[in-house]
Amino acid sequence: SLSATWPDMKAPFSTRNNSLDYLQ
């Protein structure tokens, strides 16, 4: 998950994926 509030963003950013299968 990532949340970010960077200066040039129109709105706070938030995204998430809970069905990954990396780095086994």
PDB file of all heavy atoms in Angstrom:
ATOM      1  N   SER A   1       0.849  -1.199   0.000  1.00  0.00           N
ATOM      2  CA  SER A   1       0.000   0.000   0.000  1.00  0.00           C
ATOM      3  C   SER A   1       0.879   1.242   0.000  1.00  0.00           C
ATOM      4  O   SER A   1       1.997   1.224   0.530  1.00  0.00           O
ATOM      5  CB  SER A   1      -0.929   0.022   1.215  1.00  0.00           C
ATOM      6  OG  SER A   1      -0.191   0.179   2.416  1.00  0.00           O
ATOM      7  N   LEU A   2       0.379   2.293  -0.624  1.00  0.00           N
ATOM      8  CA  LEU A   2       1.097   3.566  -0.656  1.00  0.00           C
ATOM      9  C   LEU A   2       0.113   4.710  -0.487  1.00  0.00           C
ATOM     10  O   LEU A   2      -0.930   4.744  -1.149  1.00  0.00           O
ATOM     11  CB  LEU A   2       1.838   3.737  -1.989  1.00  0.00           C
ATOM     12  CG  LEU A   2       2.505   5.113  -2.209  1.00  0.00           C
ATOM     13  CD1 LEU A   2       3.667   5.309  -1.257  1.00  0.00           C
ATOM     14  CD2 LEU A   2       2.962   5.277  -3.661  1.00  0.00           C
ATOM     15  N   SER A   3       0.457   5.619   0.394  1.00  0.00           N
ATOM     16  CA  SER A   3      -0.278   6.884   0.512  1.00  0.00           C
ATOM     17  C   SER A   3       0.742   8.011   0.407  1.00  0.00           C
ATOM     18  O   SER A   3       1.848   7.914   0.949  1.00  0.00           O
ATOM     19  CB  SER A   3      -1.037   6.969   1.844  1.00  0.00           C
ATOM     20  OG  SER A   3      -0.144   6.915   2.936  1.00  0.00           O
ATOM     21  N   ALA A   4       0.381   9.062  -0.329  1.00  0.00           N
ATOM     22  CA  ALA A   4       1.315  10.158  -0.550  1.00  0.00           C
ATOM     23  C   ALA A   4       0.578  11.475  -0.694  1.00  0.00           C
ATOM     24  O   ALA A   4      -0.534  11.523  -1.250  1.00  0.00           O
ATOM     25  CB  ALA A   4       2.158   9.893  -1.803  1.00  0.00           C
ATOM     26  N   THR A   5       1.192  12.521  -0.183  1.00  0.00           N
ATOM     27  CA  THR A   5       0.675  13.887  -0.357  1.00  0.00           C
ATOM     28  C   THR A   5       1.823  14.748  -0.859  1.00  0.00           C
ATOM     29  O   THR A   5       2.500  15.422  -0.086  1.00  0.00           O
ATOM     30  CB  THR A   5       0.121  14.441   0.975  1.00  0.00           C
ATOM     31  OG1 THR A   5       1.130  14.299   2.005  1.00  0.00           O
ATOM     32  CG2 THR A   5      -1.127  13.693   1.400  1.00  0.00           C
ATOM     33  N   TRP A   6       2.034  14.700  -2.175  1.00  0.00           N
ATOM     34  CA  TRP A   6       3.111  15.456  -2.788  1.00  0.00           C
ATOM     35  C   TRP A   6       2.586  16.789  -3.302  1.00  0.00           C
ATOM     36  O   TRP A   6       1.392  16.932  -3.634  1.00  0.00           O
ATOM     37  CB  TRP A   6       3.739  14.651  -3.924  1.00  0.00           C
ATOM     38  CG  TRP A   6       4.333  13.352  -3.464  1.00  0.00           C
ATOM     39  CD1 TRP A   6       4.652  13.001  -2.186  1.00  0.00           C
ATOM     40  CD2 TRP A   6       4.668  12.230  -4.285  1.00  0.00           C
ATOM     41  NE1 TRP A   6       5.166  11.736  -2.150  1.00  0.00           N
ATOM     42  CE2 TRP A   6       5.201  11.229  -3.418  1.00  0.00           C
ATOM     43  CE3 TRP A   6       4.584  11.956  -5.646  1.00  0.00           C
ATOM     44  CZ2 TRP A   6       5.635   9.996  -3.893  1.00  0.00           C
ATOM     45  CZ3 TRP A   6       5.026  10.729  -6.120  1.00  0.00           C
ATOM     46  CH2 TRP A   6       5.551   9.767  -5.251  1.00  0.00           C
ATOM     47  N   PRO A   7       3.449  17.804  -3.388  1.00  0.00           N
ATOM     48  CA  PRO A   7       3.008  19.167  -3.701  1.00  0.00           C
ATOM     49  C   PRO A   7       2.183  19.322  -4.971  1.00  0.00           C
ATOM     50  O   PRO A   7       1.259  20.137  -5.017  1.00  0.00           O
ATOM     51  CB  PRO A   7       4.335  19.942  -3.818  1.00  0.00           C
ATOM     52  CG  PRO A   7       5.283  19.171  -2.969  1.00  0.00           C
ATOM     53  CD  PRO A   7       4.900  17.740  -3.121  1.00  0.00           C
ATOM     54  N   ASP A   8       2.483  18.570  -6.020  1.00  0.00           N
ATOM     55  CA  ASP A   8       1.824  18.782  -7.308  1.00  0.00           C
ATOM     56  C   ASP A   8       0.577  17.924  -7.491  1.00  0.00           C
ATOM     57  O   ASP A   8      -0.029  17.928  -8.570  1.00  0.00           O
ATOM     58  CB  ASP A   8       2.818  18.506  -8.444  1.00  0.00           C
ATOM     59  CG  ASP A   8       2.349  19.093  -9.779  1.00  0.00           C
ATOM     60  OD1 ASP A   8       1.658  20.139  -9.751  1.00  0.00           O
ATOM     61  OD2 ASP A   8       2.650  18.498 -10.818  1.00  0.00           O
ATOM     62  N   MET A   9       0.160  17.191  -6.456  1.00  0.00           N
ATOM     63  CA  MET A   9      -1.017  16.323  -6.571  1.00  0.00           C
ATOM     64  C   MET A   9      -2.313  17.107  -6.360  1.00  0.00           C
ATOM     65  O   MET A   9      -2.411  17.921  -5.442  1.00  0.00           O
ATOM     66  CB  MET A   9      -0.938  15.196  -5.542  1.00  0.00           C
ATOM     67  CG  MET A   9       0.123  14.165  -5.826  1.00  0.00           C
ATOM     68  SD  MET A   9       0.164  12.869  -4.549  1.00  0.00           S
ATOM     69  CE  MET A   9       1.253  11.661  -5.336  1.00  0.00           C
ATOM     70  N   LYS A  10      -3.295  16.838  -7.224  1.00  0.00           N
ATOM     71  CA  LYS A  10      -4.599  17.483  -7.062  1.00  0.00           C
ATOM     72  C   LYS A  10      -5.301  17.010  -5.798  1.00  0.00           C
ATOM     73  O   LYS A  10      -6.064  17.752  -5.182  1.00  0.00           O
ATOM     74  CB  LYS A  10      -5.481  17.202  -8.278  1.00  0.00           C
ATOM     75  CG  LYS A  10      -5.135  18.011  -9.510  1.00  0.00           C
ATOM     76  CD  LYS A  10      -6.158  17.794 -10.612  1.00  0.00           C
ATOM     77  CE  LYS A  10      -5.854  18.674 -11.812  1.00  0.00           C
ATOM     78  NZ  LYS A  10      -6.852  18.499 -12.911  1.00  0.00           N
ATOM     79  N   ALA A  11      -5.062  15.740  -5.435  1.00  0.00           N
ATOM     80  CA  ALA A  11      -5.677  15.159  -4.247  1.00  0.00           C
ATOM     81  C   ALA A  11      -4.700  14.170  -3.626  1.00  0.00           C
ATOM     82  O   ALA A  11      -3.810  13.656  -4.306  1.00  0.00           O
ATOM     83  CB  ALA A  11      -6.984  14.464  -4.610  1.00  0.00           C
ATOM     84  N   PRO A  12      -4.821  13.897  -2.338  1.00  0.00           N
ATOM     85  CA  PRO A  12      -3.949  12.895  -1.716  1.00  0.00           C
ATOM     86  C   PRO A  12      -4.034  11.566  -2.450  1.00  0.00           C
ATOM     87  O   PRO A  12      -5.116  11.135  -2.851  1.00  0.00           O
ATOM     88  CB  PRO A  12      -4.503  12.793  -0.287  1.00  0.00           C
ATOM     89  CG  PRO A  12      -5.154  14.109  -0.046  1.00  0.00           C
ATOM     90  CD  PRO A  12      -5.730  14.530  -1.360  1.00  0.00           C
ATOM     91  N   PHE A  13      -2.898  10.931  -2.622  1.00  0.00           N
ATOM     92  CA  PHE A  13      -2.809   9.680  -3.365  1.00  0.00           C
ATOM     93  C   PHE A  13      -2.887   8.496  -2.416  1.00  0.00           C
ATOM     94  O   PHE A  13      -2.272   8.484  -1.356  1.00  0.00           O
ATOM     95  CB  PHE A  13      -1.499   9.636  -4.148  1.00  0.00           C
ATOM     96  CG  PHE A  13      -1.278   8.361  -4.919  1.00  0.00           C
ATOM     97  CD1 PHE A  13      -1.731   8.241  -6.220  1.00  0.00           C
ATOM     98  CD2 PHE A  13      -0.625   7.281  -4.339  1.00  0.00           C
ATOM     99  CE1 PHE A  13      -1.525   7.070  -6.940  1.00  0.00           C
ATOM    100  CE2 PHE A  13      -0.415   6.107  -5.049  1.00  0.00           C
ATOM    101  CZ  PHE A  13      -0.877   6.005  -6.352  1.00  0.00           C
ATOM    102  N   SER A  14      -3.626   7.470  -2.828  1.00  0.00           N
ATOM    103  CA  SER A  14      -3.719   6.251  -2.019  1.00  0.00           C
ATOM    104  C   SER A  14      -4.042   5.072  -2.930  1.00  0.00           C
ATOM    105  O   SER A  14      -4.957   5.144  -3.749  1.00  0.00           O
ATOM    106  CB  SER A  14      -4.796   6.388  -0.940  1.00  0.00           C
ATOM    107  OG  SER A  14      -4.871   5.204  -0.169  1.00  0.00           O
ATOM    108  N   THR A  15      -3.282   4.001  -2.796  1.00  0.00           N
ATOM    109  CA  THR A  15      -3.532   2.794  -3.575  1.00  0.00           C
ATOM    110  C   THR A  15      -3.078   1.579  -2.784  1.00  0.00           C
ATOM    111  O   THR A  15      -2.200   1.679  -1.920  1.00  0.00           O
ATOM    112  CB  THR A  15      -2.821   2.854  -4.944  1.00  0.00           C
ATOM    113  OG1 THR A  15      -3.292   1.793  -5.773  1.00  0.00           O
ATOM    114  CG2 THR A  15      -1.322   2.743  -4.793  1.00  0.00           C
ATOM    115  N   ARG A  16      -3.658   0.415  -3.130  1.00  0.00           N
ATOM    116  CA  ARG A  16      -3.362  -0.800  -2.357  1.00  0.00           C
ATOM    117  C   ARG A  16      -3.706  -2.036  -3.178  1.00  0.00           C
ATOM    118  O   ARG A  16      -4.663  -2.036  -3.953  1.00  0.00           O
ATOM    119  CB  ARG A  16      -4.188  -0.789  -1.064  1.00  0.00           C
ATOM    120  CG  ARG A  16      -4.092  -2.048  -0.219  1.00  0.00           C
ATOM    121  CD  ARG A  16      -5.050  -1.948   0.947  1.00  0.00           C
ATOM    122  NE  ARG A  16      -5.040  -3.138   1.774  1.00  0.00           N
ATOM    123  CZ  ARG A  16      -5.878  -3.368   2.786  1.00  0.00           C
ATOM    124  NH1 ARG A  16      -6.791  -2.456   3.088  1.00  0.00           N
ATOM    125  NH2 ARG A  16      -5.799  -4.480   3.481  1.00  0.00           N
ATOM    126  N   ASN A  17      -2.918  -3.079  -2.999  1.00  0.00           N
ATOM    127  CA  ASN A  17      -3.204  -4.375  -3.622  1.00  0.00           C
ATOM    128  C   ASN A  17      -2.854  -5.461  -2.609  1.00  0.00           C
ATOM    129  O   ASN A  17      -1.700  -5.580  -2.191  1.00  0.00           O
ATOM    130  CB  ASN A  17      -2.389  -4.563  -4.906  1.00  0.00           C
ATOM    131  CG  ASN A  17      -2.803  -5.804  -5.687  1.00  0.00           C
ATOM    132  OD1 ASN A  17      -3.385  -6.738  -5.140  1.00  0.00           O
ATOM    133  ND2 ASN A  17      -2.497  -5.822  -6.974  1.00  0.00           N
ATOM    134  N   ASN A  18      -3.867  -6.249  -2.216  1.00  0.00           N
ATOM    135  CA  ASN A  18      -3.649  -7.300  -1.214  1.00  0.00           C
ATOM    136  C   ASN A  18      -3.681  -8.703  -1.812  1.00  0.00           C
ATOM    137  O   ASN A  18      -3.908  -9.674  -1.088  1.00  0.00           O
ATOM    138  CB  ASN A  18      -4.684  -7.183  -0.089  1.00  0.00           C
ATOM    139  CG  ASN A  18      -6.106  -7.341  -0.597  1.00  0.00           C
ATOM    140  OD1 ASN A  18      -6.341  -7.546  -1.792  1.00  0.00           O
ATOM    141  ND2 ASN A  18      -7.080  -7.245   0.309  1.00  0.00           N
ATOM    142  N   SER A  19      -3.434  -8.809  -3.110  1.00  0.00           N
ATOM    143  CA  SER A  19      -3.435 -10.129  -3.761  1.00  0.00           C
ATOM    144  C   SER A  19      -2.156 -10.339  -4.579  1.00  0.00           C
ATOM    145  O   SER A  19      -2.188 -10.874  -5.685  1.00  0.00           O
ATOM    146  CB  SER A  19      -4.663 -10.282  -4.659  1.00  0.00           C
ATOM    147  OG  SER A  19      -4.697  -9.272  -5.654  1.00  0.00           O
ATOM    148  N   LEU A  20      -1.045  -9.927  -4.014  1.00  0.00           N
ATOM    149  CA  LEU A  20       0.238 -10.054  -4.689  1.00  0.00           C
ATOM    150  C   LEU A  20       0.909 -11.388  -4.343  1.00  0.00           C
ATOM    151  O   LEU A  20       0.519 -12.068  -3.393  1.00  0.00           O
ATOM    152  CB  LEU A  20       1.163  -8.894  -4.297  1.00  0.00           C
ATOM    153  CG  LEU A  20       0.656  -7.487  -4.603  1.00  0.00           C
ATOM    154  CD1 LEU A  20       1.630  -6.447  -4.077  1.00  0.00           C
ATOM    155  CD2 LEU A  20       0.446  -7.309  -6.106  1.00  0.00           C
ATOM    156  N   ASP A  21       1.938 -11.711  -5.106  1.00  0.00           N
ATOM    157  CA  ASP A  21       2.677 -12.956  -4.869  1.00  0.00           C
ATOM    158  C   ASP A  21       4.122 -12.770  -5.349  1.00  0.00           C
ATOM    159  O   ASP A  21       4.580 -13.464  -6.247  1.00  0.00           O
ATOM    160  CB  ASP A  21       2.002 -14.126  -5.593  1.00  0.00           C
ATOM    161  CG  ASP A  21       2.579 -15.476  -5.186  1.00  0.00           C
ATOM    162  OD1 ASP A  21       3.283 -15.535  -4.163  1.00  0.00           O
ATOM    163  OD2 ASP A  21       2.337 -16.466  -5.895  1.00  0.00           O
ATOM    164  N   TYR A  22       4.837 -11.824  -4.710  1.00  0.00           N
ATOM    165  CA  TYR A  22       6.208 -11.501  -5.085  1.00  0.00           C
ATOM    166  C   TYR A  22       7.184 -11.925  -3.979  1.00  0.00           C
ATOM    167  O   TYR A  22       6.786 -12.238  -2.867  1.00  0.00           O
ATOM    168  CB  TYR A  22       6.374  -9.989  -5.316  1.00  0.00           C
ATOM    169  CG  TYR A  22       5.650  -9.434  -6.512  1.00  0.00           C
ATOM    170  CD1 TYR A  22       4.798  -8.338  -6.387  1.00  0.00           C
ATOM    171  CD2 TYR A  22       5.820  -9.970  -7.782  1.00  0.00           C
ATOM    172  CE1 TYR A  22       4.143  -7.795  -7.487  1.00  0.00           C
ATOM    173  CE2 TYR A  22       5.173  -9.441  -8.889  1.00  0.00           C
ATOM    174  CZ  TYR A  22       4.337  -8.349  -8.735  1.00  0.00           C
ATOM    175  OH  TYR A  22       3.689  -7.821  -9.822  1.00  0.00           O
ATOM    176  N   LEU A  23       8.461 -11.898  -4.293  1.00  0.00           N
ATOM    177  CA  LEU A  23       9.556 -12.071  -3.332  1.00  0.00           C
ATOM    178  C   LEU A  23       9.382 -13.339  -2.490  1.00  0.00           C
ATOM    179  O   LEU A  23       9.434 -13.310  -1.268  1.00  0.00           O
ATOM    180  CB  LEU A  23       9.658 -10.848  -2.398  1.00  0.00           C
ATOM    181  CG  LEU A  23       9.578  -9.462  -3.057  1.00  0.00           C
ATOM    182  CD1 LEU A  23       9.815  -8.378  -2.018  1.00  0.00           C
ATOM    183  CD2 LEU A  23      10.563  -9.337  -4.205  1.00  0.00           C
ATOM    184  N   GLN A  24       9.210 -14.460  -3.153  1.00  0.00           N
ATOM    185  CA  GLN A  24       8.973 -15.718  -2.448  1.00  0.00           C
ATOM    186  C   GLN A  24      10.261 -16.302  -1.882  1.00  0.00           C
ATOM    187  O   GLN A  24      11.274 -16.366  -2.565  1.00  0.00           O
ATOM    188  CB  GLN A  24       8.323 -16.729  -3.393  1.00  0.00           C
ATOM    189  CG  GLN A  24       6.975 -16.296  -3.928  1.00  0.00           C
ATOM    190  CD  GLN A  24       6.374 -17.333  -4.861  1.00  0.00           C
ATOM    191  OE1 GLN A  24       6.748 -18.504  -4.838  1.00  0.00           O
ATOM    192  NE2 GLN A  24       5.430 -16.920  -5.686  1.00  0.00           N
TER     193      GLN A  24
END
